[in-house]
PDB file of all heavy atoms in Angstrom:
ATOM      1  N   ALA A   1     102.426  87.046  96.593  1.00  0.00           N
ATOM      2  CA  ALA A   1     102.755  86.207  95.446  1.00  0.00           C
ATOM      3  C   ALA A   1     102.035  86.746  94.219  1.00  0.00           C
ATOM      4  O   ALA A   1     100.800  86.839  94.208  1.00  0.00           O
ATOM      5  CB  ALA A   1     102.345  84.770  95.723  1.00  0.00           C
ATOM      6  N   ALA A   2     102.796  87.105  93.198  1.00  0.00           N
ATOM      7  CA  ALA A   2     102.241  87.719  91.996  1.00  0.00           C
ATOM      8  C   ALA A   2     102.286  86.734  90.829  1.00  0.00           C
ATOM      9  O   ALA A   2     103.286  86.040  90.637  1.00  0.00           O
ATOM     10  CB  ALA A   2     103.024  88.974  91.646  1.00  0.00           C
ATOM     11  N   SER A   3     101.220  86.685  90.059  1.00  0.00           N
ATOM     12  CA  SER A   3     101.168  85.777  88.906  1.00  0.00           C
ATOM     13  C   SER A   3     100.306  86.376  87.804  1.00  0.00           C
ATOM     14  O   SER A   3      99.618  87.376  88.008  1.00  0.00           O
ATOM     15  CB  SER A   3     100.600  84.417  89.336  1.00  0.00           C
ATOM     16  OG  SER A   3      99.286  84.555  89.832  1.00  0.00           O
ATOM     17  N   GLY A   4     100.352  85.766  86.635  1.00  0.00           N
ATOM     18  CA  GLY A   4      99.488  86.179  85.546  1.00  0.00           C
ATOM     19  C   GLY A   4     100.161  86.963  84.443  1.00  0.00           C
ATOM     20  O   GLY A   4      99.570  87.158  83.380  1.00  0.00           O
ATOM     21  N   ARG A   5     101.361  87.436  84.682  1.00  0.00           N
ATOM     22  CA  ARG A   5     102.105  88.164  83.662  1.00  0.00           C
ATOM     23  C   ARG A   5     103.539  88.342  84.162  1.00  0.00           C
ATOM     24  O   ARG A   5     103.847  88.006  85.292  1.00  0.00           O
ATOM     25  CB  ARG A   5     101.483  89.525  83.366  1.00  0.00           C
ATOM     26  CG  ARG A   5     101.465  90.485  84.540  1.00  0.00           C
ATOM     27  CD  ARG A   5     101.300  91.917  84.070  1.00  0.00           C
ATOM     28  NE  ARG A   5     102.431  92.337  83.262  1.00  0.00           N
ATOM     29  CZ  ARG A   5     102.302  92.842  82.044  1.00  0.00           C
ATOM     30  NH1 ARG A   5     101.094  92.989  81.493  1.00  0.00           N
ATOM     31  NH2 ARG A   5     103.366  93.209  81.361  1.00  0.00           N
ATOM     32  N   THR A   6     104.390  88.877  83.313  1.00  0.00           N
ATOM     33  CA  THR A   6     105.714  89.279  83.791  1.00  0.00           C
ATOM     34  C   THR A   6     105.610  90.695  84.352  1.00  0.00           C
ATOM     35  O   THR A   6     104.854  91.524  83.836  1.00  0.00           O
ATOM     36  CB  THR A   6     106.746  89.252  82.651  1.00  0.00           C
ATOM     37  OG1 THR A   6     106.267  90.087  81.579  1.00  0.00           O
ATOM     38  CG2 THR A   6     106.935  87.839  82.125  1.00  0.00           C
ATOM     39  N   PHE A   7     106.336  90.944  85.405  1.00  0.00           N
ATOM     40  CA  PHE A   7     106.185  92.214  86.117  1.00  0.00           C
ATOM     41  C   PHE A   7     107.394  93.137  85.959  1.00  0.00           C
ATOM     42  O   PHE A   7     107.535  94.103  86.715  1.00  0.00           O
ATOM     43  CB  PHE A   7     105.933  91.924  87.601  1.00  0.00           C
ATOM     44  CG  PHE A   7     104.591  91.311  87.854  1.00  0.00           C
ATOM     45  CD1 PHE A   7     104.430  89.933  87.882  1.00  0.00           C
ATOM     46  CD2 PHE A   7     103.473  92.102  88.050  1.00  0.00           C
ATOM     47  CE1 PHE A   7     103.198  89.358  88.097  1.00  0.00           C
ATOM     48  CE2 PHE A   7     102.232  91.537  88.271  1.00  0.00           C
ATOM     49  CZ  PHE A   7     102.091  90.160  88.293  1.00  0.00           C
ATOM     50  N   ASP A   8     108.226  92.873  84.973  1.00  0.00           N
ATOM     51  CA  ASP A   8     109.457  93.651  84.815  1.00  0.00           C
ATOM     52  C   ASP A   8     109.199  95.144  84.719  1.00  0.00           C
ATOM     53  O   ASP A   8     110.010  95.946  85.179  1.00  0.00           O
ATOM     54  CB  ASP A   8     110.208  93.205  83.560  1.00  0.00           C
ATOM     55  CG  ASP A   8     110.765  91.805  83.702  1.00  0.00           C
ATOM     56  OD1 ASP A   8     110.571  91.208  84.777  1.00  0.00           O
ATOM     57  OD2 ASP A   8     111.371  91.312  82.746  1.00  0.00           O
ATOM     58  N   THR A   9     108.092  95.539  84.118  1.00  0.00           N
ATOM     59  CA  THR A   9     107.798  96.963  83.916  1.00  0.00           C
ATOM     60  C   THR A   9     106.786  97.485  84.931  1.00  0.00           C
ATOM     61  O   THR A   9     106.227  98.561  84.756  1.00  0.00           O
ATOM     62  CB  THR A   9     107.251  97.187  82.499  1.00  0.00           C
ATOM     63  OG1 THR A   9     106.078  96.388  82.320  1.00  0.00           O
ATOM     64  CG2 THR A   9     108.293  96.847  81.446  1.00  0.00           C
ATOM     65  N   TYR A  10     106.581  96.745  85.998  1.00  0.00           N
ATOM     66  CA  TYR A  10     105.562  97.097  86.978  1.00  0.00           C
ATOM     67  C   TYR A  10     106.170  97.597  88.286  1.00  0.00           C
ATOM     68  O   TYR A  10     107.325  97.305  88.619  1.00  0.00           O
ATOM     69  CB  TYR A  10     104.678  95.878  87.261  1.00  0.00           C
ATOM     70  CG  TYR A  10     103.505  95.782  86.317  1.00  0.00           C
ATOM     71  CD1 TYR A  10     103.712  95.683  84.942  1.00  0.00           C
ATOM     72  CD2 TYR A  10     102.196  95.800  86.787  1.00  0.00           C
ATOM     73  CE1 TYR A  10     102.635  95.607  84.073  1.00  0.00           C
ATOM     74  CE2 TYR A  10     101.115  95.726  85.922  1.00  0.00           C
ATOM     75  CZ  TYR A  10     101.349  95.632  84.566  1.00  0.00           C
ATOM     76  OH  TYR A  10     100.287  95.571  83.711  1.00  0.00           O
ATOM     77  N   THR A  11     105.365  98.341  89.007  1.00  0.00           N
ATOM     78  CA  THR A  11     105.651  98.739  90.381  1.00  0.00           C
ATOM     79  C   THR A  11     104.700  97.975  91.290  1.00  0.00           C
ATOM     80  O   THR A  11     103.497  97.896  90.999  1.00  0.00           O
ATOM     81  CB  THR A  11     105.454 100.248  90.569  1.00  0.00           C
ATOM     82  OG1 THR A  11     106.424 100.947  89.781  1.00  0.00           O
ATOM     83  CG2 THR A  11     105.601 100.650  92.029  1.00  0.00           C
ATOM     84  N   LEU A  12     105.240  97.418  92.346  1.00  0.00           N
ATOM     85  CA  LEU A  12     104.414  96.732  93.339  1.00  0.00           C
ATOM     86  C   LEU A  12     104.456  97.498  94.647  1.00  0.00           C
ATOM     87  O   LEU A  12     105.528  97.939  95.077  1.00  0.00           O
ATOM     88  CB  LEU A  12     104.868  95.292  93.540  1.00  0.00           C
ATOM     89  CG  LEU A  12     104.262  94.327  92.515  1.00  0.00           C
ATOM     90  CD1 LEU A  12     104.984  94.391  91.189  1.00  0.00           C
ATOM     91  CD2 LEU A  12     104.221  92.918  93.042  1.00  0.00           C
ATOM     92  N   GLY A  13     103.296  97.660  95.234  1.00  0.00           N
ATOM     93  CA  GLY A  13     103.202  98.450  96.442  1.00  0.00           C
ATOM     94  C   GLY A  13     102.442  97.746  97.545  1.00  0.00           C
ATOM     95  O   GLY A  13     101.704  96.780  97.303  1.00  0.00           O
ATOM     96  N   TRP A  14     102.640  98.216  98.752  1.00  0.00           N
ATOM     97  CA  TRP A  14     101.867  97.797  99.914  1.00  0.00           C
ATOM     98  C   TRP A  14     101.092  98.995 100.439  1.00  0.00           C
ATOM     99  O   TRP A  14     101.651 100.088 100.598  1.00  0.00           O
ATOM    100  CB  TRP A  14     102.785  97.267 101.021  1.00  0.00           C
ATOM    101  CG  TRP A  14     103.380  95.935 100.744  1.00  0.00           C
ATOM    102  CD1 TRP A  14     104.617  95.661 100.235  1.00  0.00           C
ATOM    103  CD2 TRP A  14     102.769  94.661 100.982  1.00  0.00           C
ATOM    104  NE1 TRP A  14     104.805  94.321 100.133  1.00  0.00           N
ATOM    105  CE2 TRP A  14     103.684  93.669 100.596  1.00  0.00           C
ATOM    106  CE3 TRP A  14     101.534  94.255 101.491  1.00  0.00           C
ATOM    107  CZ2 TRP A  14     103.409  92.311 100.694  1.00  0.00           C
ATOM    108  CZ3 TRP A  14     101.257  92.907 101.586  1.00  0.00           C
ATOM    109  CH2 TRP A  14     102.185  91.941 101.190  1.00  0.00           C
ATOM    110  N   PHE A  15      99.824  98.771 100.701  1.00  0.00           N
ATOM    111  CA  PHE A  15      98.946  99.759 101.303  1.00  0.00           C
ATOM    112  C   PHE A  15      98.285  99.127 102.510  1.00  0.00           C
ATOM    113  O   PHE A  15      98.276  97.907 102.655  1.00  0.00           O
ATOM    114  CB  PHE A  15      97.876 100.220 100.301  1.00  0.00           C
ATOM    115  CG  PHE A  15      98.412 101.051  99.170  1.00  0.00           C
ATOM    116  CD1 PHE A  15      99.066 100.456  98.103  1.00  0.00           C
ATOM    117  CD2 PHE A  15      98.260 102.432  99.171  1.00  0.00           C
ATOM    118  CE1 PHE A  15      99.564 101.226  97.063  1.00  0.00           C
ATOM    119  CE2 PHE A  15      98.752 103.206  98.126  1.00  0.00           C
ATOM    120  CZ  PHE A  15      99.407 102.599  97.071  1.00  0.00           C
ATOM    121  N   ARG A  16      97.719  99.960 103.379  1.00  0.00           N
ATOM    122  CA  ARG A  16      96.996  99.432 104.524  1.00  0.00           C
ATOM    123  C   ARG A  16      95.759 100.274 104.776  1.00  0.00           C
ATOM    124  O   ARG A  16      95.712 101.458 104.418  1.00  0.00           O
ATOM    125  CB  ARG A  16      97.880  99.390 105.765  1.00  0.00           C
ATOM    126  CG  ARG A  16      98.323 100.750 106.287  1.00  0.00           C
ATOM    127  CD  ARG A  16      99.335 100.570 107.405  1.00  0.00           C
ATOM    128  NE  ARG A  16      99.769 101.847 107.961  1.00  0.00           N
ATOM    129  CZ  ARG A  16     100.738 101.981 108.857  1.00  0.00           C
ATOM    130  NH1 ARG A  16     101.398 100.901 109.299  1.00  0.00           N
ATOM    131  NH2 ARG A  16     101.068 103.165 109.323  1.00  0.00           N
ATOM    132  N   GLN A  17      94.792  99.632 105.397  1.00  0.00           N
ATOM    133  CA  GLN A  17      93.549 100.325 105.720  1.00  0.00           C
ATOM    134  C   GLN A  17      93.050  99.872 107.074  1.00  0.00           C
ATOM    135  O   GLN A  17      92.763  98.683 107.283  1.00  0.00           O
ATOM    136  CB  GLN A  17      92.486 100.075 104.648  1.00  0.00           C
ATOM    137  CG  GLN A  17      91.254 100.941 104.791  1.00  0.00           C
ATOM    138  CD  GLN A  17      90.398 100.939 103.535  1.00  0.00           C
ATOM    139  OE1 GLN A  17      90.509 100.070 102.676  1.00  0.00           O
ATOM    140  NE2 GLN A  17      89.546 101.939 103.408  1.00  0.00           N
ATOM    141  N   ALA A  18      92.955 100.829 107.974  1.00  0.00           N
ATOM    142  CA  ALA A  18      92.408 100.572 109.305  1.00  0.00           C
ATOM    143  C   ALA A  18      90.906 100.869 109.278  1.00  0.00           C
ATOM    144  O   ALA A  18      90.447 101.639 108.425  1.00  0.00           O
ATOM    145  CB  ALA A  18      93.114 101.446 110.332  1.00  0.00           C
ATOM    146  N   PRO A  19      90.141 100.287 110.204  1.00  0.00           N
ATOM    147  CA  PRO A  19      88.689 100.516 110.225  1.00  0.00           C
ATOM    148  C   PRO A  19      88.361 102.010 110.299  1.00  0.00           C
ATOM    149  O   PRO A  19      88.922 102.730 111.123  1.00  0.00           O
ATOM    150  CB  PRO A  19      88.233  99.788 111.486  1.00  0.00           C
ATOM    151  CG  PRO A  19      89.263  98.729 111.696  1.00  0.00           C
ATOM    152  CD  PRO A  19      90.553  99.323 111.240  1.00  0.00           C
ATOM    153  N   GLY A  20      87.493 102.453 109.409  1.00  0.00           N
ATOM    154  CA  GLY A  20      87.048 103.837 109.420  1.00  0.00           C
ATOM    155  C   GLY A  20      88.040 104.825 108.840  1.00  0.00           C
ATOM    156  O   GLY A  20      87.802 106.039 108.881  1.00  0.00           O
ATOM    157  N   LYS A  21      89.133 104.325 108.284  1.00  0.00           N
ATOM    158  CA  LYS A  21      90.147 105.221 107.734  1.00  0.00           C
ATOM    159  C   LYS A  21      90.365 104.936 106.250  1.00  0.00           C
ATOM    160  O   LYS A  21      90.004 103.878 105.752  1.00  0.00           O
ATOM    161  CB  LYS A  21      91.469 105.062 108.495  1.00  0.00           C
ATOM    162  CG  LYS A  21      91.394 105.505 109.935  1.00  0.00           C
ATOM    163  CD  LYS A  21      92.764 105.552 110.570  1.00  0.00           C
ATOM    164  CE  LYS A  21      92.707 106.093 111.989  1.00  0.00           C
ATOM    165  NZ  LYS A  21      94.042 106.172 112.617  1.00  0.00           N
ATOM    166  N   GLU A  22      90.965 105.899 105.576  1.00  0.00           N
ATOM    167  CA  GLU A  22      91.257 105.731 104.160  1.00  0.00           C
ATOM    168  C   GLU A  22      92.449 104.785 103.970  1.00  0.00           C
ATOM    169  O   GLU A  22      93.274 104.615 104.872  1.00  0.00           O
ATOM    170  CB  GLU A  22      91.572 107.089 103.527  1.00  0.00           C
ATOM    171  CG  GLU A  22      90.371 107.991 103.398  1.00  0.00           C
ATOM    172  CD  GLU A  22      90.651 109.198 102.518  1.00  0.00           C
ATOM    173  OE1 GLU A  22      91.765 109.308 101.989  1.00  0.00           O
ATOM    174  OE2 GLU A  22      89.745 110.024 102.365  1.00  0.00           O
ATOM    175  N   ARG A  23      92.489 104.195 102.768  1.00  0.00           N
ATOM    176  CA  ARG A  23      93.627 103.353 102.439  1.00  0.00           C
ATOM    177  C   ARG A  23      94.890 104.219 102.386  1.00  0.00           C
ATOM    178  O   ARG A  23      94.887 105.304 101.796  1.00  0.00           O
ATOM    179  CB  ARG A  23      93.388 102.649 101.108  1.00  0.00           C
ATOM    180  CG  ARG A  23      94.330 101.492 100.852  1.00  0.00           C
ATOM    181  CD  ARG A  23      93.794 100.581  99.795  1.00  0.00           C
ATOM    182  NE  ARG A  23      92.564  99.904 100.206  1.00  0.00           N
ATOM    183  CZ  ARG A  23      92.027  98.880  99.563  1.00  0.00           C
ATOM    184  NH1 ARG A  23      92.602  98.419  98.457  1.00  0.00           N
ATOM    185  NH2 ARG A  23      90.917  98.328 100.014  1.00  0.00           N
ATOM    186  N   GLN A  24      95.949 103.711 102.966  1.00  0.00           N
ATOM    187  CA  GLN A  24      97.164 104.490 103.191  1.00  0.00           C
ATOM    188  C   GLN A  24      98.360 103.791 102.561  1.00  0.00           C
ATOM    189  O   GLN A  24      98.521 102.569 102.702  1.00  0.00           O
ATOM    190  CB  GLN A  24      97.372 104.633 104.710  1.00  0.00           C
ATOM    191  CG  GLN A  24      98.598 105.367 105.162  1.00  0.00           C
ATOM    192  CD  GLN A  24      98.740 105.302 106.678  1.00  0.00           C
ATOM    193  OE1 GLN A  24      98.611 104.237 107.285  1.00  0.00           O
ATOM    194  NE2 GLN A  24      99.026 106.428 107.281  1.00  0.00           N
ATOM    195  N   PHE A  25      99.204 104.557 101.893  1.00  0.00           N
ATOM    196  CA  PHE A  25     100.420 104.025 101.300  1.00  0.00           C
ATOM    197  C   PHE A  25     101.387 103.588 102.389  1.00  0.00           C
ATOM    198  O   PHE A  25     101.552 104.267 103.409  1.00  0.00           O
ATOM    199  CB  PHE A  25     101.071 105.083 100.419  1.00  0.00           C
ATOM    200  CG  PHE A  25     102.450 104.718  99.940  1.00  0.00           C
ATOM    201  CD1 PHE A  25     102.608 103.822  98.892  1.00  0.00           C
ATOM    202  CD2 PHE A  25     103.574 105.273 100.516  1.00  0.00           C
ATOM    203  CE1 PHE A  25     103.871 103.481  98.440  1.00  0.00           C
ATOM    204  CE2 PHE A  25     104.843 104.940 100.072  1.00  0.00           C
ATOM    205  CZ  PHE A  25     104.991 104.049  99.040  1.00  0.00           C
ATOM    206  N   VAL A  26     102.069 102.461 102.158  1.00  0.00           N
ATOM    207  CA  VAL A  26     103.070 101.969 103.104  1.00  0.00           C
ATOM    208  C   VAL A  26     104.446 101.943 102.445  1.00  0.00           C
ATOM    209  O   VAL A  26     105.390 102.553 102.934  1.00  0.00           O
ATOM    210  CB  VAL A  26     102.704 100.562 103.614  1.00  0.00           C
ATOM    211  CG1 VAL A  26     103.805 100.018 104.517  1.00  0.00           C
ATOM    212  CG2 VAL A  26     101.371 100.581 104.342  1.00  0.00           C
ATOM    213  N   ALA A  27     104.563 101.216 101.340  1.00  0.00           N
ATOM    214  CA  ALA A  27     105.855 101.055 100.677  1.00  0.00           C
ATOM    215  C   ALA A  27     105.638 100.587  99.249  1.00  0.00           C
ATOM    216  O   ALA A  27     104.591 100.033  98.922  1.00  0.00           O
ATOM    217  CB  ALA A  27     106.731 100.055 101.426  1.00  0.00           C
ATOM    218  N   ALA A  28     106.640 100.808  98.399  1.00  0.00           N
ATOM    219  CA  ALA A  28     106.548 100.344  97.015  1.00  0.00           C
ATOM    220  C   ALA A  28     107.940 100.189  96.437  1.00  0.00           C
ATOM    221  O   ALA A  28     108.907 100.778  96.932  1.00  0.00           O
ATOM    222  CB  ALA A  28     105.737 101.320  96.156  1.00  0.00           C
ATOM    223  N   MET A  29     108.006  99.376  95.379  1.00  0.00           N
ATOM    224  CA  MET A  29     109.271  99.235  94.665  1.00  0.00           C
ATOM    225  C   MET A  29     108.991  98.826  93.238  1.00  0.00           C
ATOM    226  O   MET A  29     107.964  98.198  92.953  1.00  0.00           O
ATOM    227  CB  MET A  29     110.169  98.203  95.343  1.00  0.00           C
ATOM    228  CG  MET A  29     109.746  96.769  95.228  1.00  0.00           C
ATOM    229  SD  MET A  29     110.851  95.642  96.127  1.00  0.00           S
ATOM    230  CE  MET A  29     112.454  96.101  95.473  1.00  0.00           C
ATOM    231  N   ARG A  30     109.872  99.207  92.347  1.00  0.00           N
ATOM    232  CA  ARG A  30     109.782  98.762  90.972  1.00  0.00           C
ATOM    233  C   ARG A  30     110.318  97.343  90.890  1.00  0.00           C
ATOM    234  O   ARG A  30     111.267  96.998  91.576  1.00  0.00           O
ATOM    235  CB  ARG A  30     110.568  99.684  90.052  1.00  0.00           C
ATOM    236  CG  ARG A  30     110.010 101.070  90.009  1.00  0.00           C
ATOM    237  CD  ARG A  30     110.569 101.896  88.874  1.00  0.00           C
ATOM    238  NE  ARG A  30     109.931 103.206  88.878  1.00  0.00           N
ATOM    239  CZ  ARG A  30     110.588 104.345  88.955  1.00  0.00           C
ATOM    240  NH1 ARG A  30     111.906 104.343  89.000  1.00  0.00           N
ATOM    241  NH2 ARG A  30     109.937 105.485  88.968  1.00  0.00           N
ATOM    242  N   TRP A  31     109.669  96.515  90.066  1.00  0.00           N
ATOM    243  CA  TRP A  31     110.091  95.132  89.952  1.00  0.00           C
ATOM    244  C   TRP A  31     111.515  95.050  89.410  1.00  0.00           C
ATOM    245  O   TRP A  31     112.288  94.179  89.818  1.00  0.00           O
ATOM    246  CB  TRP A  31     109.137  94.371  89.036  1.00  0.00           C
ATOM    247  CG  TRP A  31     109.320  92.901  89.186  1.00  0.00           C
ATOM    248  CD1 TRP A  31     110.086  92.076  88.417  1.00  0.00           C
ATOM    249  CD2 TRP A  31     108.740  92.086  90.200  1.00  0.00           C
ATOM    250  NE1 TRP A  31     110.016  90.801  88.891  1.00  0.00           N
ATOM    251  CE2 TRP A  31     109.199  90.770  89.987  1.00  0.00           C
ATOM    252  CE3 TRP A  31     107.876  92.341  91.268  1.00  0.00           C
ATOM    253  CZ2 TRP A  31     108.819  89.714  90.797  1.00  0.00           C
ATOM    254  CZ3 TRP A  31     107.504  91.290  92.072  1.00  0.00           C
ATOM    255  CH2 TRP A  31     107.977  89.991  91.835  1.00  0.00           C
ATOM    256  N   SER A  32     111.863  95.960  88.516  1.00  0.00           N
ATOM    257  CA  SER A  32     113.222  96.029  87.999  1.00  0.00           C
ATOM    258  C   SER A  32     113.910  97.230  88.613  1.00  0.00           C
ATOM    259  O   SER A  32     113.344  98.303  88.675  1.00  0.00           O
ATOM    260  CB  SER A  32     113.216  96.180  86.476  1.00  0.00           C
ATOM    261  OG  SER A  32     112.614  95.063  85.881  1.00  0.00           O
ATOM    262  N   GLY A  33     115.120  97.044  89.063  1.00  0.00           N
ATOM    263  CA  GLY A  33     115.834  98.149  89.670  1.00  0.00           C
ATOM    264  C   GLY A  33     115.750  98.112  91.181  1.00  0.00           C
ATOM    265  O   GLY A  33     115.141  97.214  91.776  1.00  0.00           O
ATOM    266  N   SER A  34     116.324  99.125  91.800  1.00  0.00           N
ATOM    267  CA  SER A  34     116.456  99.123  93.255  1.00  0.00           C
ATOM    268  C   SER A  34     115.682 100.244  93.942  1.00  0.00           C
ATOM    269  O   SER A  34     115.773 100.400  95.157  1.00  0.00           O
ATOM    270  CB  SER A  34     117.929  99.237  93.628  1.00  0.00           C
ATOM    271  OG  SER A  34     118.476 100.425  93.072  1.00  0.00           O
ATOM    272  N   ASN A  35     114.888 101.008  93.181  1.00  0.00           N
ATOM    273  CA  ASN A  35     114.158 102.120  93.813  1.00  0.00           C
ATOM    274  C   ASN A  35     113.118 101.590  94.790  1.00  0.00           C
ATOM    275  O   ASN A  35     112.320 100.713  94.454  1.00  0.00           O
ATOM    276  CB  ASN A  35     113.441 102.940  92.739  1.00  0.00           C
ATOM    277  CG  ASN A  35     114.410 103.704  91.869  1.00  0.00           C
ATOM    278  OD1 ASN A  35     115.516 103.231  91.636  1.00  0.00           O
ATOM    279  ND2 ASN A  35     114.016 104.858  91.404  1.00  0.00           N
ATOM    280  N   THR A  36     113.139 102.126  95.993  1.00  0.00           N
ATOM    281  CA  THR A  36     112.119 101.810  96.989  1.00  0.00           C
ATOM    282  C   THR A  36     111.543 103.106  97.542  1.00  0.00           C
ATOM    283  O   THR A  36     112.212 104.142  97.559  1.00  0.00           O
ATOM    284  CB  THR A  36     112.689 100.970  98.139  1.00  0.00           C
ATOM    285  OG1 THR A  36     113.790 101.671  98.724  1.00  0.00           O
ATOM    286  CG2 THR A  36     113.161  99.613  97.654  1.00  0.00           C
ATOM    287  N   TYR A  37     110.310 103.020  98.003  1.00  0.00           N
ATOM    288  CA  TYR A  37     109.596 104.184  98.512  1.00  0.00           C
ATOM    289  C   TYR A  37     108.880 103.776  99.798  1.00  0.00           C
ATOM    290  O   TYR A  37     108.323 102.675  99.865  1.00  0.00           O
ATOM    291  CB  TYR A  37     108.568 104.675  97.486  1.00  0.00           C
ATOM    292  CG  TYR A  37     109.144 104.864  96.099  1.00  0.00           C
ATOM    293  CD1 TYR A  37     109.194 103.808  95.205  1.00  0.00           C
ATOM    294  CD2 TYR A  37     109.655 106.099  95.702  1.00  0.00           C
ATOM    295  CE1 TYR A  37     109.736 103.963  93.937  1.00  0.00           C
ATOM    296  CE2 TYR A  37     110.193 106.267  94.431  1.00  0.00           C
ATOM    297  CZ  TYR A  37     110.238 105.195  93.563  1.00  0.00           C
ATOM    298  OH  TYR A  37     110.780 105.352  92.311  1.00  0.00           O
ATOM    299  N   TYR A  38     108.885 104.679 100.788  1.00  0.00           N
ATOM    300  CA  TYR A  38     108.269 104.377 102.070  1.00  0.00           C
ATOM    301  C   TYR A  38     107.468 105.566 102.577  1.00  0.00           C
ATOM    302  O   TYR A  38     107.846 106.721 102.369  1.00  0.00           O
ATOM    303  CB  TYR A  38     109.334 104.039 103.119  1.00  0.00           C
ATOM    304  CG  TYR A  38     110.096 102.771 102.831  1.00  0.00           C
ATOM    305  CD1 TYR A  38     111.323 102.803 102.191  1.00  0.00           C
ATOM    306  CD2 TYR A  38     109.579 101.528 103.210  1.00  0.00           C
ATOM    307  CE1 TYR A  38     112.027 101.650 101.918  1.00  0.00           C
ATOM    308  CE2 TYR A  38     110.278 100.359 102.945  1.00  0.00           C
ATOM    309  CZ  TYR A  38     111.497 100.431 102.296  1.00  0.00           C
ATOM    310  OH  TYR A  38     112.191  99.276 102.026  1.00  0.00           O
TER     311      TYR A  38
END
């Protein structure tokens, strides 16, 4: 749940971090448009 501003010009992403490992990219998408990344 995102709040505090409008996100039309933003990209939102998901990352994950397992114990002892670096934070890792999972997925992302631009708030406007249909581009997705995995």
